[in-house]
Protein backbone atom coordinates (compact mmCIF):
# COMPACT_ATOMS: atom_id res chain seq x y z
CA MET A 1 0.03 0.04 -0.07
CA ILE A 2 1.23 3.58 -0.63
CA LEU A 3 0.68 4.59 2.88
CA ASP A 4 3.41 1.63 4.24
CA LYS A 5 5.56 2.68 1.89
CA ILE A 6 5.52 6.58 2.85
CA VAL A 7 6.11 5.59 6.36
CA GLU A 8 9.00 3.40 5.55
CA ASP A 9 10.85 6.05 3.31
CA LYS A 10 10.12 8.63 6.04
CA LYS A 11 11.69 6.20 8.34
CA ILE A 12 15.18 6.23 6.24
CA ARG A 13 14.40 10.09 5.75
CA LEU A 14 14.66 10.71 9.67
CA LYS A 15 17.90 8.75 9.88
CA GLU A 16 19.33 11.07 7.33
CA HIS A 17 17.88 13.90 9.74
CA LYS A 18 19.26 12.53 12.94
CA SER A 19 22.98 12.13 11.54
CA LYS A 20 22.90 16.01 10.12
CA LEU A 21 21.28 17.07 13.66
CA SER A 22 21.03 15.07 16.63
CA LEU A 23 17.92 15.17 18.94
CA SER A 24 19.58 16.99 21.62
CA ASP A 25 20.30 20.14 19.07
CA VAL A 26 16.98 20.06 17.82
CA LYS A 27 15.56 20.23 21.37
CA ARG A 28 17.83 23.15 22.00
CA GLU A 29 16.73 24.92 19.35
CA ALA A 30 13.23 24.27 19.70
CA ASP A 31 13.52 25.52 23.04
CA GLY A 32 14.61 28.51 22.20
CA MET A 33 11.53 29.28 19.60
CA LEU A 34 9.79 28.30 22.64
CA LYS A 35 11.03 31.09 24.51
CA ASP A 36 11.15 33.51 21.84
CA ARG A 37 7.81 33.11 20.19
CA THR A 38 4.81 33.00 23.51
CA ASP A 39 3.05 35.11 21.31
CA ARG A 40 2.33 32.76 18.79
CA ASN A 41 0.57 29.94 21.35
CA GLY A 42 -2.66 29.14 19.69
CA ILE A 43 -2.71 31.00 16.70
CA PHE A 44 -3.17 28.09 14.33
CA TYR A 45 -6.45 27.01 16.29
CA ARG A 46 -7.57 30.67 16.97
CA ALA A 47 -7.22 31.06 12.85
CA LEU A 48 -9.72 27.77 12.23
CA SER A 49 -12.46 28.56 15.18
CA LYS A 50 -12.99 32.57 14.09
CA GLY A 51 -16.18 31.99 11.94
CA ARG A 52 -17.76 29.79 14.65
CA GLU A 53 -19.39 32.96 16.30
CA ALA A 54 -21.83 33.20 13.16
CA SER A 55 -24.55 30.24 12.91
CA GLY A 56 -26.35 29.16 10.11
CA THR A 57 -25.67 30.16 6.27
CA ASN A 58 -24.22 32.95 7.94
CA ARG A 59 -21.41 30.91 9.58
CA GLY A 60 -17.93 31.55 8.57
CA ILE A 61 -15.27 29.59 6.93
CA SER A 62 -11.45 29.47 7.38
CA ILE A 63 -9.17 28.22 4.49
CA ILE A 64 -5.53 26.37 4.97
CA GLY A 65 -4.04 27.45 1.77
CA GLU A 66 -1.44 24.49 1.26
CA PHE A 67 1.83 24.59 -0.42
CA LYS A 68 2.88 21.52 -1.93
CA LYS A 69 5.31 20.34 -5.01
CA ALA A 70 3.31 16.77 -5.92
CA SER A 71 1.42 14.03 -4.68
CA PRO A 72 1.60 10.04 -4.86
CA SER A 73 -2.01 9.59 -6.87
CA LEU A 74 -1.39 12.78 -9.37
CA GLY A 75 2.30 13.21 -9.65
CA ASP A 76 4.17 16.73 -9.96
CA ILE A 77 2.08 19.87 -9.97
CA LYS A 78 2.28 22.45 -12.34
CA GLU A 79 2.83 25.21 -10.29
CA SER A 80 1.60 28.68 -11.78
CA MET A 81 4.02 31.08 -9.68
CA GLU A 82 6.79 31.09 -7.63
CA LEU A 83 6.86 30.33 -3.88
CA THR A 84 6.97 33.97 -2.80
CA ASP A 85 4.85 35.20 -4.63
CA ARG A 86 2.25 32.68 -3.98
CA ILE A 87 2.80 33.34 -0.08
CA ASP A 88 2.17 37.15 -0.97
CA GLU A 89 -1.25 35.86 -2.48
CA TYR A 90 -1.72 34.04 0.90
CA ASN A 91 -0.91 36.23 3.25
CA GLU A 92 -3.85 38.66 1.66
CA SER A 93 -6.38 35.90 1.64
CA VAL A 94 -6.52 32.55 3.64
CA ASP A 95 -6.38 32.33 7.60
CA ALA A 96 -3.43 29.86 7.71
CA ILE A 97 -0.84 27.99 5.44
CA SER A 98 -0.36 24.15 5.21
CA CYS A 99 3.16 23.29 3.94
CA LEU A 100 4.47 19.53 2.79
CA THR A 101 7.57 18.55 4.40
CA GLU A 102 7.63 15.32 3.35
CA GLU A 103 10.57 14.59 0.78
CA ASP A 104 10.25 11.88 -1.15
CA HIS A 105 6.63 11.33 -2.11
CA PHE A 106 5.36 15.01 -1.84
CA LYS A 107 8.59 16.48 -3.29
CA GLY A 108 8.07 18.46 0.21
CA ASN A 109 10.96 19.93 1.90
CA ILE A 110 11.63 21.59 5.76
CA GLU A 111 13.54 24.38 4.12
CA TYR A 112 9.99 25.50 2.33
CA LEU A 113 8.39 26.04 5.53
CA LYS A 114 11.36 27.81 7.01
CA LYS A 115 10.98 30.01 3.73
CA ILE A 116 7.52 30.89 4.18
CA ARG A 117 8.01 31.32 8.00
CA SER A 118 10.40 34.11 6.92
CA ILE A 119 7.88 35.68 4.70
CA SER A 120 4.26 34.88 6.49
CA ASP A 121 3.44 35.63 9.76
CA LEU A 122 0.24 33.22 9.28
CA PRO A 123 0.06 30.58 11.24
CA ILE A 124 1.53 27.26 9.63
CA LEU A 125 0.64 23.87 9.76
CA ARG A 126 3.95 21.37 9.35
CA LYS A 127 2.20 18.34 7.18
CA ASP A 128 3.85 15.66 7.21
CA PHE A 129 4.07 11.63 8.30
CA MET A 130 4.82 12.28 12.01
CA ILE A 131 6.04 9.35 13.23
CA ASP A 132 9.12 10.10 15.59
CA GLU A 133 9.62 12.79 18.37
CA TYR A 134 12.44 14.36 16.62
CA GLN A 135 9.91 15.64 14.11
CA PHE A 136 7.94 17.47 16.84
CA TYR A 137 10.75 19.30 17.89
CA GLU A 138 12.28 19.73 14.47
CA ALA A 139 8.75 21.53 13.61
CA LYS A 140 9.01 23.86 16.22
CA MET A 141 12.50 24.52 15.42
CA ILE A 142 11.78 25.61 11.85
CA GLY A 143 8.92 28.00 12.85
CA ALA A 144 5.71 25.54 12.35
CA ASP A 145 2.66 26.69 14.58
CA ALA A 146 0.63 23.45 14.38
CA VAL A 147 1.63 19.68 13.18
CA LEU A 148 -0.17 17.35 11.54
CA LEU A 149 -1.07 13.54 13.48
CA ILE A 150 -2.51 11.06 11.45
CA THR A 151 -4.56 8.64 13.24
CA ALA A 152 -4.24 5.95 10.25
CA ILE A 153 -0.08 5.45 10.93
CA LEU A 154 -0.19 5.72 15.06
CA ASP A 155 -1.34 3.71 17.73
CA ASP A 156 -3.16 4.70 20.52
CA VAL A 157 -0.16 5.37 22.61
CA MET A 158 1.91 7.01 20.07
CA MET A 159 -1.20 9.57 19.25
CA LYS A 160 -1.50 10.59 23.40
CA ASP A 161 2.19 10.62 23.43
CA PHE A 162 2.85 12.81 20.70
CA TYR A 163 -0.38 15.07 20.78
CA GLN A 164 0.53 15.47 25.00
CA LEU A 165 4.43 16.55 23.16
CA SER A 166 2.95 18.99 20.87
CA LYS A 167 1.14 20.66 23.70
CA GLU A 168 4.06 21.14 25.70
CA LEU A 169 6.03 22.31 22.65
CA ARG A 170 3.18 24.79 22.30
CA LEU A 171 1.81 23.31 18.82
CA ASP A 172 -1.61 23.20 17.75
CA VAL A 173 -2.71 19.84 16.52
CA LEU A 174 -4.70 18.77 13.51
CA VAL A 175 -5.31 15.01 13.97
CA GLU A 176 -6.41 13.55 10.64
CA THR A 177 -9.12 10.92 10.31
CA HIS A 178 -10.42 8.74 7.57
CA ASP A 179 -13.54 6.59 8.57
CA GLU A 180 -15.52 6.46 12.05
CA TYR A 181 -12.83 3.93 13.82
CA GLU A 182 -10.47 6.59 13.00
CA ILE A 183 -12.61 9.21 14.41
CA GLU A 184 -13.43 6.73 17.72
CA ARG A 185 -9.57 6.65 18.18
CA ALA A 186 -9.06 10.04 17.84
CA MET A 187 -11.28 11.14 20.53
CA LYS A 188 -9.43 9.18 23.08
CA ILE A 189 -6.94 12.08 23.35
CA ASP A 190 -9.84 14.85 23.29
CA PRO A 191 -8.34 16.82 20.42
CA ASP A 192 -8.96 20.21 19.96
CA ILE A 193 -9.02 20.02 16.01
CA ILE A 194 -10.02 17.25 13.93
CA GLY A 195 -10.01 16.50 10.54
CA VAL A 196 -11.73 14.30 8.19
CA ASN A 197 -9.73 13.48 5.14
CA ASN A 198 -11.26 13.08 1.78
CA ARG A 199 -8.37 10.89 0.25
CA ASN A 200 -8.21 7.54 1.31
CA LEU A 201 -4.23 7.17 2.27
CA ASN A 202 -4.02 3.59 1.26
CA ASP A 203 -5.17 3.83 -2.44
CA PHE A 204 -5.32 7.64 -2.35
CA SER A 205 -8.45 7.75 -4.32
CA ILE A 206 -11.05 11.18 -3.20
CA ASP A 207 -14.46 11.06 -2.31
CA LEU A 208 -15.92 14.45 -0.73
CA LYS A 209 -18.79 13.06 0.30
CA ASN A 210 -16.67 11.36 2.95
CA THR A 211 -17.07 14.53 4.89
CA GLY A 212 -20.67 13.98 4.94
CA LYS A 213 -20.91 10.76 5.94
CA LEU A 214 -18.60 11.45 8.94
CA ARG A 215 -20.01 14.90 10.05
CA LYS A 216 -22.43 13.18 12.75
CA TYR A 217 -19.41 11.57 14.46
CA ILE A 218 -17.85 15.04 15.14
CA PRO A 219 -18.72 16.93 18.41
CA GLU A 220 -19.88 20.12 17.82
CA GLU A 221 -17.63 21.87 20.07
CA LYS A 222 -14.51 20.42 18.25
CA VAL A 223 -12.79 22.51 15.15
CA PHE A 224 -13.96 20.73 12.12
CA VAL A 225 -11.69 20.45 9.07
CA SER A 226 -12.30 19.18 5.75
CA GLU A 227 -9.21 18.09 3.78
CA SER A 228 -8.57 17.03 0.21
CA GLY A 229 -10.51 17.30 -3.27
CA ILE A 230 -11.82 20.53 -2.32
CA MET A 231 -11.76 22.15 -6.35
CA THR A 232 -15.37 24.06 -6.89
CA ASP A 233 -17.60 26.05 -5.51
CA GLU A 234 -20.30 23.38 -5.32
CA ASP A 235 -17.70 21.75 -3.19
CA ILE A 236 -17.81 25.11 -0.90
CA LYS A 237 -20.99 25.40 -0.58
CA TYR A 238 -21.55 21.47 0.00
CA LEU A 239 -19.16 21.91 3.13
CA LYS A 240 -20.15 24.82 4.42
CA ASP A 241 -23.53 23.44 4.43
CA LEU A 242 -22.40 20.71 6.75
CA LYS A 243 -20.78 23.33 9.45
CA VAL A 244 -17.22 22.58 8.69
CA ASP A 245 -15.20 25.49 10.33
CA ALA A 246 -12.35 25.11 7.74
CA PHE A 247 -10.82 23.75 4.57
CA LEU A 248 -7.37 22.92 3.88
CA ILE A 249 -6.91 22.93 -0.10
CA GLY A 250 -4.01 22.32 -1.77
CA ARG A 251 -4.14 21.25 -5.53
CA ALA A 252 -6.84 23.97 -6.29
CA PHE A 253 -4.43 26.50 -5.09
CA MET A 254 -1.30 25.40 -6.47
CA GLU A 255 -2.63 25.10 -10.08
CA SER A 256 -4.74 28.45 -9.91
CA GLN A 257 -3.07 31.48 -11.58
CA ASN A 258 -4.70 33.51 -9.01
CA PRO A 259 -5.18 31.99 -5.75
CA LYS A 260 -6.11 35.03 -3.79
CA GLU A 261 -8.97 35.63 -5.88
CA LEU A 262 -9.93 32.23 -5.55
CA ALA A 263 -10.06 32.06 -1.93
CA THR A 264 -11.57 35.40 -1.56
CA ARG A 265 -14.65 33.97 -3.85
CA TRP A 266 -14.69 31.12 -2.06
CA LYS A 267 -15.14 32.91 1.30
CA SER A 268 -18.05 34.65 0.01
CA LEU A 269 -20.22 31.92 -1.25
């Protein structure tokens, strides 16, 4: 399965990272960020939850604009603009940024996140396959405000431990699920933010109706994020009717000639 391959390759990459910068060094750098950036505590959560004050058809939405180079299912993304130009548009239109840092299958890199951090004050989610404590300290070190926990690749003990570590590092956490069983498992750690991925990580097929199918299992008090497969006005309207708090959108923005205009239109629907 694709997911198993991604995780195995991630283990190899982790050895490379640790050989270049030890865990103790990464911890020291992360500690420095903890002391220097206390003003950003909870900034990702606040960005995603700000539309919850409204209700019904007036309920606001938040948009997480993604930066990624490729995906295993669709291959390389034909980019419409340079990173700096894209982030300039994101700065004026979206509420948070997601940056892929997985190297082998999404062609990401921590250097992309560091570059984005240098030109944006928006909350940044490090989107990766997080399987080792090293990655969480590294996320803090490079300037991320939040991390992704993928339920499908973690057992219950790992999820609990990584969630606690994230909180200690003052990183918000988006806990990603794909089915009812994963939601049940995720709820054991009582996450503030829970996402439903419309992409099946085993075969990378996409079904936007997955969010609708699983909406009833997400408590109303949780910030709810729909991820993947969001491409059209109709998709936005469908998800907004489900009282989704935030959308994580990648390919539609990456291929757009004007992501700012697209995000602005979608927020007005």
